[in-house]
């Protein structure tokens, strides 16, 4: 049984915009799966938005957290998870995929 939509009120939304002409749907779908696996209780949805023009962007609400053109290629799931975590729950540990802290 699914949760009522009211349970998701106030939770952030992730949007992955991808170029269909470049055949990046599989890449976008995989990233959506990785995000949902890690943040399933913390997000209201992860949306796949088909587009054109070589676009591959990931948005958290109104904040763009990745742009293929500006950030130089495609992100690893680890990087996206860290950027999402840093916005929604900075104290949360991502376990083995978390960045290492140095003793400076």
Protein backbone atom coordinates (compact mmCIF):
# COMPACT_ATOMS: atom_id res chain seq x y z
CA UNK A 1 0.00 0.00 0.00
CA UNK A 2 1.39 3.40 -0.95
CA UNK A 3 1.62 6.43 1.31
CA UNK A 4 -0.89 9.21 0.77
CA UNK A 5 0.46 12.19 -1.16
CA UNK A 6 0.11 14.31 1.99
CA UNK A 7 3.00 12.33 3.53
CA UNK A 8 5.34 13.91 0.97
CA UNK A 9 4.36 17.54 1.56
CA UNK A 10 7.43 19.64 2.23
CA UNK A 11 9.94 17.04 1.07
CA UNK A 12 12.37 18.02 -1.69
CA UNK A 13 11.99 16.92 -5.31
CA UNK A 14 14.81 15.76 -7.55
CA UNK A 15 14.55 16.26 -11.29
CA UNK A 16 16.90 14.70 -13.82
CA UNK A 17 16.72 16.43 -17.20
CA UNK A 18 18.34 14.45 -20.01
CA UNK A 19 18.74 14.55 -23.78
CA UNK A 20 16.72 11.86 -25.53
CA UNK A 21 18.59 12.41 -28.82
CA UNK A 22 21.84 11.53 -27.04
CA UNK A 23 20.24 8.35 -25.65
CA UNK A 24 20.91 9.29 -22.04
CA UNK A 25 17.66 7.84 -20.64
CA UNK A 26 19.38 4.74 -19.27
CA UNK A 27 22.00 6.89 -17.53
CA UNK A 28 19.28 9.14 -16.07
CA UNK A 29 17.20 6.14 -14.96
CA UNK A 30 20.17 4.56 -13.24
CA UNK A 31 20.94 7.80 -11.40
CA UNK A 32 17.29 8.10 -10.34
CA UNK A 33 17.46 4.56 -8.95
CA UNK A 34 20.63 5.35 -6.98
CA UNK A 35 19.07 8.52 -5.55
CA UNK A 36 15.85 6.73 -4.59
CA UNK A 37 17.74 3.89 -2.96
CA UNK A 38 19.64 6.31 -0.72
CA UNK A 39 16.97 8.96 -0.07
CA UNK A 40 13.64 7.11 -0.47
CA UNK A 41 12.22 8.45 2.82
CA UNK A 42 13.60 11.97 2.37
CA UNK A 43 12.26 12.96 -1.06
CA UNK A 44 8.78 13.46 -2.44
CA UNK A 45 9.84 12.25 -5.89
CA UNK A 46 12.60 11.74 -8.39
CA UNK A 47 11.43 12.77 -11.85
CA UNK A 48 12.91 11.99 -15.25
CA UNK A 49 12.38 14.87 -17.68
CA UNK A 50 13.19 14.21 -21.34
CA UNK A 51 14.77 17.10 -23.22
CA UNK A 52 17.15 17.75 -26.13
CA UNK A 53 20.30 19.74 -26.89
CA UNK A 54 22.79 17.55 -25.05
CA UNK A 55 21.20 18.42 -21.72
CA UNK A 56 22.00 16.41 -18.59
CA UNK A 57 21.15 18.29 -15.41
CA UNK A 58 20.12 17.26 -11.92
CA UNK A 59 18.01 19.63 -9.86
CA UNK A 60 17.06 19.56 -6.18
CA UNK A 61 13.97 21.72 -6.00
CA UNK A 62 15.04 25.03 -7.60
CA UNK A 63 18.79 24.40 -7.17
CA UNK A 64 20.77 22.90 -10.01
CA UNK A 65 23.24 20.51 -8.41
CA UNK A 66 24.79 19.15 -11.61
CA UNK A 67 25.12 20.31 -15.20
CA UNK A 68 27.00 18.17 -17.70
CA UNK A 69 28.24 21.21 -19.61
CA UNK A 70 29.21 23.36 -16.62
CA UNK A 71 30.58 20.57 -14.42
CA UNK A 72 32.47 18.78 -17.17
CA UNK A 73 30.76 15.51 -17.94
CA UNK A 74 28.62 13.06 -16.08
CA UNK A 75 28.62 12.72 -12.31
CA UNK A 76 29.28 9.62 -10.29
CA UNK A 77 26.42 8.60 -8.01
CA UNK A 78 28.65 9.31 -5.00
CA UNK A 79 29.03 12.98 -5.97
CA UNK A 80 25.29 13.48 -6.52
CA UNK A 81 24.40 11.74 -3.27
CA UNK A 82 26.83 13.97 -1.40
CA UNK A 83 25.39 17.11 -2.99
CA UNK A 84 21.83 16.07 -2.17
CA UNK A 85 22.79 15.12 1.38
CA UNK A 86 24.61 18.43 1.87
CA UNK A 87 21.37 20.27 1.03
CA UNK A 88 18.77 18.17 2.87
CA UNK A 89 20.66 16.66 5.84
CA UNK A 90 24.30 17.80 6.16
CA UNK A 91 24.95 15.71 9.28
CA UNK A 92 23.84 12.44 7.65
CA UNK A 93 26.45 9.80 6.92
CA UNK A 94 26.33 8.13 3.53
CA UNK A 95 28.35 5.18 4.78
CA UNK A 96 30.93 3.73 2.42
CA UNK A 97 30.13 6.21 -0.34
CA UNK A 98 30.76 9.21 1.88
CA UNK A 99 33.76 11.46 1.42
CA UNK A 100 36.68 10.87 3.70
CA UNK A 101 37.44 13.53 6.27
CA UNK A 102 41.04 14.51 6.87
CA UNK A 103 42.67 15.20 10.19
CA UNK A 104 43.72 18.77 9.43
